[in-house]
Amino acid sequence: MNATLGSMGVLLGLAAALAGVAALAAGLATGRTALLRSGTVYAWMVLGGALTAFVAMERALLSHDFSLRYVAENHSRSTPTMYTFASLWSRLEGSILLWALVLAGFGAAMAWRFRDRRSDPVVAWATLVVLAVAVFFFALLAGPADPFGTVSPVPADGPGPNPLLQNHPLMLIHPPILYLGYVGFTVPFAFAVAALATGRLGEGWLVETRRWTLLAWGCLTVGIAMGAWWSYEVLGWGGFWAWDPVENASFLPWLTATAYLHSVMVQERRGMLRVWNLSLLCATFALTILGTFLTRSGVLESVHAFSNSSIGGWILGFFALIVVVVIGLIGWRGDRLRSPGTIDSPVSREGAFLVNNLLFAGFAFVVLLGTVFPLV
């Protein structure tokens, strides 16, 4: 029953996301208001599917349903209830399910926030982008990262989660808060793409993206701090910070998001750094996807990586698609992205913000280079 219910939830989320993308694309192409306004309905349906799948998996874990392969490989009857609940995000398939749930939650929150502007092309484009990202993650859950596969014969017990994931209560809250930060950057990215797609590249869309970025940045900051605390208390994890690939995967988008939160103030006040700010927003989201590839594909070794998978190629392909689309959109709208003003002096306030941004961007590049250097 749990396997069937969970699979139905995944398929509902995937079907709703696909239908939403198709409806919004048709609405944007034809200008039909009814289709544009339908995005809200599909966003809530995606959340319903994600919640159904999440509840089914938690029910399977808490009821010791070892007919599910995920439960049989990551749970045991002796696992404390707290860590049984947290077992959902202890391996790849469960972490993708958590990602899909958080993404669906942000999509529904965005639909509710802009419920009075559903026919606005910018909002419609942003909703389409969020649903398109949801299509990718639900497709993973329906295919190569299916958490609801079954086993036969059904074992009487399982090995339980990795012991290192049962030694600290932060296991219960650290990954979800970190994912709120990771996935939260999808909304600012969606509005950046929407602004580029519609050509409405003034400063009006910045107010909304800065709020969503602040929310995601705050969650990511708390998540990184919790991870450092946890690492400090576990022998062999290198103390607060060890420049481990998994640690760097969360630090990279934090750096670019921090740079954006500083530079966006210059654009709001002077209308400058438009290309730079759009690039930072898109790079932040892209780095969350790249970080997922680096930590889940097994291409880099990490003391914090507890599962490898064959989905690395899919994630890398999605990352490449994001980069190509963003570069294409920025190149297409290049003539509209010219700033009306220039920085008067390197020692001016705007010049100081630019230097600040270059330092953050340079630091991010160095960290990225050091992280992927073993692959070169």
Protein backbone atom coordinates (compact mmCIF):
# COMPACT_ATOMS: atom_id res chain seq x y z
CA MET A 1 0.00 0.00 0.00
CA ASN A 2 2.78 2.45 0.88
CA ALA A 3 4.57 1.73 -2.39
CA THR A 4 1.38 2.24 -4.40
CA LEU A 5 0.40 5.42 -2.56
CA GLY A 6 3.90 6.87 -2.86
CA SER A 7 4.16 6.08 -6.56
CA MET A 8 0.74 7.65 -7.14
CA GLY A 9 1.93 10.81 -5.38
CA VAL A 10 5.05 10.98 -7.54
CA LEU A 11 3.04 10.46 -10.74
CA LEU A 12 0.49 13.08 -9.65
CA GLY A 13 3.26 15.60 -9.04
CA LEU A 14 4.91 14.81 -12.38
CA ALA A 15 1.65 14.94 -14.33
CA ALA A 16 0.56 18.20 -12.68
CA ALA A 17 3.95 19.82 -13.32
CA LEU A 18 3.91 18.75 -16.99
CA ALA A 19 0.32 19.92 -17.44
CA GLY A 20 1.15 23.23 -15.77
CA VAL A 21 4.13 23.84 -18.04
CA ALA A 22 2.01 23.04 -21.12
CA ALA A 23 -0.91 25.23 -20.00
CA LEU A 24 1.26 28.21 -19.11
CA ALA A 25 3.28 27.91 -22.32
CA ALA A 26 0.05 27.86 -24.33
CA GLY A 27 -1.31 30.80 -22.36
CA LEU A 28 1.83 32.86 -22.92
CA ALA A 29 1.78 32.03 -26.64
CA THR A 30 -1.91 32.82 -27.14
CA GLY A 31 -2.50 35.42 -24.45
CA ARG A 32 -5.46 33.46 -23.02
CA THR A 33 -5.94 34.67 -19.45
CA ALA A 34 -7.65 31.47 -18.29
CA LEU A 35 -4.57 29.42 -19.14
CA LEU A 36 -2.24 31.89 -17.44
CA ARG A 37 -4.33 31.80 -14.28
CA SER A 38 -4.34 27.99 -14.24
CA GLY A 39 -0.71 27.91 -13.09
CA THR A 40 -1.83 28.34 -9.47
CA VAL A 41 -4.01 25.23 -9.61
CA TYR A 42 -1.20 23.10 -11.01
CA ALA A 43 1.26 24.39 -8.40
CA TRP A 44 -1.05 23.24 -5.61
CA MET A 45 -1.57 19.88 -7.33
CA VAL A 46 2.20 19.38 -7.45
CA LEU A 47 2.36 20.07 -3.72
CA GLY A 48 -0.43 17.55 -3.14
CA GLY A 49 1.52 14.90 -5.03
CA ALA A 50 4.74 15.64 -3.15
CA LEU A 51 2.98 15.53 0.23
CA THR A 52 1.34 12.22 -0.66
CA ALA A 53 4.70 10.68 -1.56
CA PHE A 54 6.36 12.12 1.55
CA VAL A 55 3.66 10.82 3.89
CA ALA A 56 3.76 7.40 2.22
CA MET A 57 7.52 7.11 2.75
CA GLU A 58 7.37 8.28 6.37
CA ARG A 59 4.51 5.87 7.02
CA ALA A 60 6.58 3.04 5.53
CA LEU A 61 9.57 3.92 7.71
CA LEU A 62 7.61 4.32 10.94
CA SER A 63 5.58 1.14 10.36
CA HIS A 64 8.69 -0.92 9.45
CA ASP A 65 7.41 -1.70 5.94
CA PHE A 66 10.46 -3.59 4.70
CA SER A 67 8.75 -4.44 1.42
CA LEU A 68 10.10 -1.09 0.17
CA ARG A 69 13.71 -1.34 -0.91
CA TYR A 70 14.48 2.09 0.57
CA VAL A 71 13.18 1.03 3.99
CA ALA A 72 14.91 -2.36 3.81
CA GLU A 73 18.27 -0.73 3.08
CA ASN A 74 18.07 2.32 5.38
CA HIS A 75 16.04 1.35 8.43
CA SER A 76 15.97 -1.18 11.24
CA ARG A 77 13.49 -1.95 13.99
CA SER A 78 16.03 -0.81 16.59
CA THR A 79 16.47 2.65 15.05
CA PRO A 80 15.15 5.36 17.43
CA THR A 81 11.93 6.98 16.22
CA MET A 82 13.58 10.37 15.74
CA TYR A 83 16.21 8.95 13.41
CA THR A 84 13.64 6.71 11.73
CA PHE A 85 11.76 9.85 10.69
CA ALA A 86 15.02 11.44 9.51
CA SER A 87 15.96 8.31 7.55
CA LEU A 88 13.92 9.69 4.68
CA TRP A 89 16.74 12.05 3.75
CA SER A 90 19.64 9.77 4.68
CA ARG A 91 20.08 8.39 1.14
CA LEU A 92 19.83 9.68 -2.41
CA GLU A 93 16.26 8.69 -3.28
CA GLY A 94 14.86 10.13 -0.06
CA SER A 95 16.86 13.34 -0.41
CA ILE A 96 15.46 13.83 -3.93
CA LEU A 97 11.97 13.31 -2.49
CA LEU A 98 12.69 15.95 0.16
CA TRP A 99 13.97 18.30 -2.56
CA ALA A 100 10.76 17.77 -4.57
CA LEU A 101 8.61 18.45 -1.49
CA VAL A 102 10.43 21.67 -0.62
CA LEU A 103 10.30 22.78 -4.27
CA ALA A 104 6.57 22.06 -4.42
CA GLY A 105 6.13 24.04 -1.21
CA PHE A 106 7.92 27.04 -2.66
CA GLY A 107 5.88 26.74 -5.85
CA ALA A 108 2.62 26.76 -3.89
CA ALA A 109 3.84 29.65 -1.72
CA MET A 110 4.69 31.62 -4.84
CA ALA A 111 1.27 30.85 -6.33
CA TRP A 112 -0.42 32.09 -3.15
CA ARG A 113 1.80 35.19 -2.93
CA PHE A 114 0.94 36.25 -6.48
CA ARG A 115 -2.64 34.97 -6.57
CA ASP A 116 -3.88 38.44 -7.57
CA ARG A 117 -1.36 38.72 -10.42
CA ARG A 118 -1.77 35.30 -12.01
CA SER A 119 -2.37 36.74 -15.48
CA ASP A 120 0.81 38.86 -15.35
CA PRO A 121 3.23 37.40 -17.95
CA VAL A 122 6.18 37.77 -15.55
CA VAL A 123 4.40 35.76 -12.85
CA ALA A 124 3.24 33.21 -15.43
CA TRP A 125 6.78 32.78 -16.75
CA ALA A 126 8.17 32.45 -13.22
CA THR A 127 5.56 29.82 -12.36
CA LEU A 128 6.35 27.97 -15.58
CA VAL A 129 10.05 27.86 -14.69
CA VAL A 130 9.36 26.53 -11.18
CA LEU A 131 7.06 23.85 -12.61
CA ALA A 132 9.66 22.96 -15.25
CA VAL A 133 12.24 22.41 -12.50
CA ALA A 134 9.64 20.30 -10.68
CA VAL A 135 9.24 18.17 -13.82
CA PHE A 136 12.93 17.29 -13.67
CA PHE A 137 12.93 16.24 -10.01
CA PHE A 138 9.66 14.32 -10.20
CA ALA A 139 10.96 12.58 -13.33
CA LEU A 140 13.98 11.46 -11.30
CA LEU A 141 11.64 10.11 -8.62
CA ALA A 142 9.57 8.30 -11.23
CA GLY A 143 12.66 6.82 -12.87
CA PRO A 144 16.30 6.44 -11.80
CA ALA A 145 15.79 7.69 -8.22
CA ASP A 146 12.53 5.87 -7.48
CA PRO A 147 12.23 5.56 -3.67
CA PHE A 148 9.19 3.26 -3.85
CA GLY A 149 10.72 0.19 -5.44
CA THR A 150 9.90 -3.08 -3.68
CA VAL A 151 11.92 -6.15 -2.69
CA SER A 152 11.04 -9.83 -2.59
CA PRO A 153 11.26 -11.75 -0.37
CA VAL A 154 10.54 -9.14 2.30
CA PRO A 155 13.28 -9.10 4.97
CA ALA A 156 12.35 -9.18 8.65
CA ASP A 157 14.71 -6.31 9.49
CA GLY A 158 17.24 -3.99 7.91
CA PRO A 159 20.70 -2.59 8.66
CA GLY A 160 19.45 0.85 9.67
CA PRO A 161 20.89 4.24 8.67
CA ASN A 162 24.62 4.91 8.69
CA PRO A 163 25.73 5.14 12.36
CA LEU A 164 27.15 8.63 11.74
CA LEU A 165 23.62 9.75 10.87
CA GLN A 166 22.27 8.53 14.21
CA ASN A 167 24.67 10.29 16.56
CA HIS A 168 23.33 13.83 16.64
CA PRO A 169 19.86 15.41 16.85
CA LEU A 170 20.84 17.90 14.13
CA MET A 171 20.18 15.09 11.65
CA LEU A 172 16.51 15.90 12.20
CA ILE A 173 16.69 19.57 11.16
CA HIS A 174 20.02 20.27 9.44
CA PRO A 175 19.26 18.70 6.02
CA PRO A 176 15.72 20.17 5.73
CA ILE A 177 16.94 23.68 6.59
CA LEU A 178 19.83 23.31 4.15
CA TYR A 179 17.36 22.23 1.46
CA LEU A 180 15.15 25.24 2.21
CA GLY A 181 18.20 27.31 1.31
CA TYR A 182 19.14 25.29 -1.77
CA VAL A 183 15.67 24.99 -3.24
CA GLY A 184 14.61 28.48 -2.21
CA PHE A 185 16.90 29.96 -4.86
CA THR A 186 14.63 28.44 -7.52
CA VAL A 187 12.12 31.29 -7.10
CA PRO A 188 14.60 34.17 -7.67
CA PHE A 189 16.02 32.21 -10.61
CA ALA A 190 12.51 31.81 -12.02
CA PHE A 191 11.88 35.56 -11.83
CA ALA A 192 15.24 36.29 -13.45
CA VAL A 193 14.33 34.02 -16.37
CA ALA A 194 10.84 35.58 -16.47
CA ALA A 195 12.30 39.08 -16.68
CA LEU A 196 14.59 38.01 -19.52
CA ALA A 197 11.83 36.15 -21.37
CA THR A 198 9.35 39.05 -21.19
CA GLY A 199 11.89 41.81 -21.71
CA ARG A 200 10.66 43.59 -18.57
CA LEU A 201 14.14 44.22 -17.26
CA GLY A 202 13.58 47.31 -15.17
CA GLU A 203 14.00 47.36 -11.43
CA GLY A 204 10.41 46.36 -10.55
CA TRP A 205 11.06 42.61 -10.34
CA LEU A 206 14.03 43.10 -8.01
CA VAL A 207 11.93 43.84 -4.94
CA GLU A 208 10.34 40.39 -5.06
CA THR A 209 13.51 38.48 -5.89
CA ARG A 210 15.43 40.14 -3.07
CA ARG A 211 12.85 38.99 -0.52
CA TRP A 212 12.90 35.40 -1.75
CA THR A 213 16.69 35.47 -1.99
CA LEU A 214 16.96 36.74 1.58
CA LEU A 215 14.75 33.88 2.77
CA ALA A 216 16.80 31.25 0.94
CA TRP A 217 20.10 32.88 1.94
CA GLY A 218 19.03 32.98 5.60
CA CYS A 219 18.08 29.29 5.59
CA LEU A 220 21.33 28.37 3.84
CA THR A 221 23.32 30.40 6.37
CA VAL A 222 21.65 28.64 9.30
CA GLY A 223 22.10 25.27 7.58
CA ILE A 224 25.82 25.86 7.01
CA ALA A 225 26.28 26.96 10.63
CA MET A 226 24.46 23.84 11.87
CA GLY A 227 26.61 21.66 9.62
CA ALA A 228 29.78 23.24 11.01
CA TRP A 229 28.59 22.60 14.57
CA TRP A 230 27.74 18.98 13.74
CA SER A 231 31.10 18.43 12.01
CA TYR A 232 32.94 19.84 15.02
CA GLU A 233 31.34 17.24 17.29
CA VAL A 234 32.01 14.22 15.05
CA LEU A 235 35.48 12.68 15.10
CA GLY A 236 36.98 12.47 11.62
CA TRP A 237 34.88 15.20 9.99
CA GLY A 238 37.63 17.82 10.16
CA GLY A 239 36.25 20.25 12.72
CA PHE A 240 34.08 23.24 11.86
CA TRP A 241 35.25 23.41 8.24
CA ALA A 242 37.48 21.09 6.23
CA TRP A 243 36.90 22.39 2.66
CA ASP A 244 35.22 19.10 1.90
CA PRO A 245 33.32 18.86 -1.45
CA VAL A 246 29.97 18.55 0.34
CA GLU A 247 30.74 21.55 2.54
CA ASN A 248 31.88 23.57 -0.48
CA ALA A 249 28.71 22.61 -2.37
CA SER A 250 26.66 24.65 0.10
CA PHE A 251 29.25 27.43 0.44
CA LEU A 252 29.42 28.24 -3.29
CA PRO A 253 25.78 29.38 -3.73
CA TRP A 254 26.04 31.20 -0.39
CA LEU A 255 28.92 33.28 -1.77
CA THR A 256 27.14 34.24 -5.00
CA ALA A 257 23.87 34.93 -3.18
CA THR A 258 25.69 37.17 -0.71
CA ALA A 259 27.25 39.05 -3.62
CA TYR A 260 23.81 39.48 -5.20
CA LEU A 261 22.22 40.82 -2.02
CA HIS A 262 24.89 43.52 -1.96
CA SER A 263 24.96 44.43 -5.65
CA VAL A 264 21.19 44.47 -6.10
CA MET A 265 21.07 47.60 -3.94
CA VAL A 266 23.12 49.41 -6.57
CA GLN A 267 20.66 48.41 -9.28
CA GLU A 268 17.67 49.46 -7.19
CA ARG A 269 19.15 52.92 -6.55
CA ARG A 270 21.06 53.65 -9.76
CA GLY A 271 19.82 51.11 -12.31
CA MET A 272 23.34 49.70 -12.79
CA LEU A 273 24.83 46.18 -12.80
CA ARG A 274 21.81 44.60 -14.51
CA VAL A 275 23.71 41.88 -16.36
CA TRP A 276 25.83 41.21 -13.29
CA ASN A 277 22.84 40.78 -10.98
CA LEU A 278 20.97 38.51 -13.38
CA SER A 279 24.12 36.45 -13.80
CA LEU A 280 24.61 36.16 -10.02
CA LEU A 281 21.02 35.00 -9.48
CA CYS A 282 21.22 32.41 -12.23
CA ALA A 283 24.69 31.29 -11.12
CA THR A 284 23.43 30.79 -7.56
CA PHE A 285 20.69 28.43 -8.70
CA ALA A 286 23.02 26.66 -11.14
CA LEU A 287 25.55 26.11 -8.34
CA THR A 288 22.92 24.36 -6.21
CA ILE A 289 22.41 21.91 -9.08
CA LEU A 290 26.16 21.52 -9.67
CA GLY A 291 26.65 20.95 -5.94
CA THR A 292 24.05 18.19 -6.03
CA PHE A 293 25.95 16.55 -8.89
CA LEU A 294 29.29 16.77 -7.08
CA THR A 295 27.93 15.34 -3.83
CA ARG A 296 25.57 12.67 -5.18
CA SER A 297 27.33 11.33 -8.27
CA GLY A 298 30.33 9.81 -6.51
CA VAL A 299 32.84 11.65 -8.71
CA LEU A 300 34.40 13.24 -5.61
CA GLU A 301 35.14 11.60 -2.28
CA SER A 302 33.68 13.15 0.87
CA VAL A 303 33.30 12.11 4.48
CA HIS A 304 29.81 13.64 4.30
CA ALA A 305 28.66 11.65 1.25
CA PHE A 306 26.62 8.64 2.33
CA SER A 307 25.29 7.50 -1.04
CA ASN A 308 26.34 7.43 -4.66
CA SER A 309 24.12 7.00 -7.67
CA SER A 310 23.94 6.71 -11.41
CA ILE A 311 21.82 9.86 -11.74
CA GLY A 312 24.92 12.08 -11.86
CA GLY A 313 24.68 12.29 -15.64
CA TRP A 314 21.07 13.48 -15.48
CA ILE A 315 21.92 16.19 -12.96
CA LEU A 316 24.96 17.32 -14.95
CA GLY A 317 22.84 17.49 -18.09
CA PHE A 318 20.26 19.61 -16.25
CA PHE A 319 23.03 21.92 -15.06
CA ALA A 320 24.35 22.27 -18.63
CA LEU A 321 20.83 23.06 -19.89
CA ILE A 322 20.45 25.82 -17.28
CA VAL A 323 23.78 27.38 -18.28
CA VAL A 324 22.95 27.29 -22.01
CA VAL A 325 19.46 28.76 -21.53
CA VAL A 326 20.70 31.56 -19.26
CA ILE A 327 23.58 32.53 -21.56
CA GLY A 328 21.21 32.48 -24.53
CA LEU A 329 18.62 34.68 -22.80
CA ILE A 330 21.18 37.21 -21.60
CA GLY A 331 22.72 37.36 -25.07
CA TRP A 332 19.26 37.80 -26.62
CA ARG A 333 18.32 40.66 -24.29
CA GLY A 334 21.76 42.27 -24.26
CA ASP A 335 20.55 45.50 -25.86
CA ARG A 336 17.94 46.01 -23.11
CA LEU A 337 20.35 45.27 -20.28
CA ARG A 338 22.54 48.32 -20.76
CA SER A 339 22.72 50.34 -17.57
CA PRO A 340 21.60 53.98 -17.80
CA GLY A 341 24.49 55.10 -15.58
CA THR A 342 28.09 54.25 -14.90
CA ILE A 343 30.22 53.99 -11.78
CA ASP A 344 31.82 57.39 -11.30
CA SER A 345 34.82 56.31 -9.25
CA PRO A 346 36.28 53.14 -7.72
CA VAL A 347 36.14 54.87 -4.33
CA SER A 348 32.45 55.78 -4.63
CA ARG A 349 29.76 53.80 -2.84
CA GLU A 350 28.88 51.96 -6.05
CA GLY A 351 32.56 51.27 -6.70
CA ALA A 352 32.93 49.80 -3.22
CA PHE A 353 29.94 47.52 -3.83
CA LEU A 354 31.51 46.38 -7.11
CA VAL A 355 34.84 45.61 -5.42
CA ASN A 356 32.91 43.73 -2.72
CA ASN A 357 31.17 41.69 -5.41
CA LEU A 358 34.37 40.93 -7.28
CA LEU A 359 35.90 39.61 -4.06
CA PHE A 360 32.93 37.32 -3.42
CA ALA A 361 32.89 36.14 -7.04
CA GLY A 362 36.64 35.57 -7.02
CA PHE A 363 36.40 33.62 -3.78
CA ALA A 364 33.61 31.49 -5.24
CA PHE A 365 35.70 30.77 -8.35
CA VAL A 366 38.70 29.72 -6.25
CA VAL A 367 36.55 27.44 -4.07
CA LEU A 368 34.93 25.91 -7.16
CA LEU A 369 38.30 25.38 -8.81
CA GLY A 370 39.72 23.76 -5.69
CA THR A 371 36.66 21.52 -5.37
CA VAL A 372 36.68 20.19 -8.94
CA PHE A 373 40.49 20.15 -9.33
CA PRO A 374 40.70 16.39 -8.55
CA LEU A 375 38.56 15.82 -11.67
CA VAL A 376 40.88 17.80 -13.98
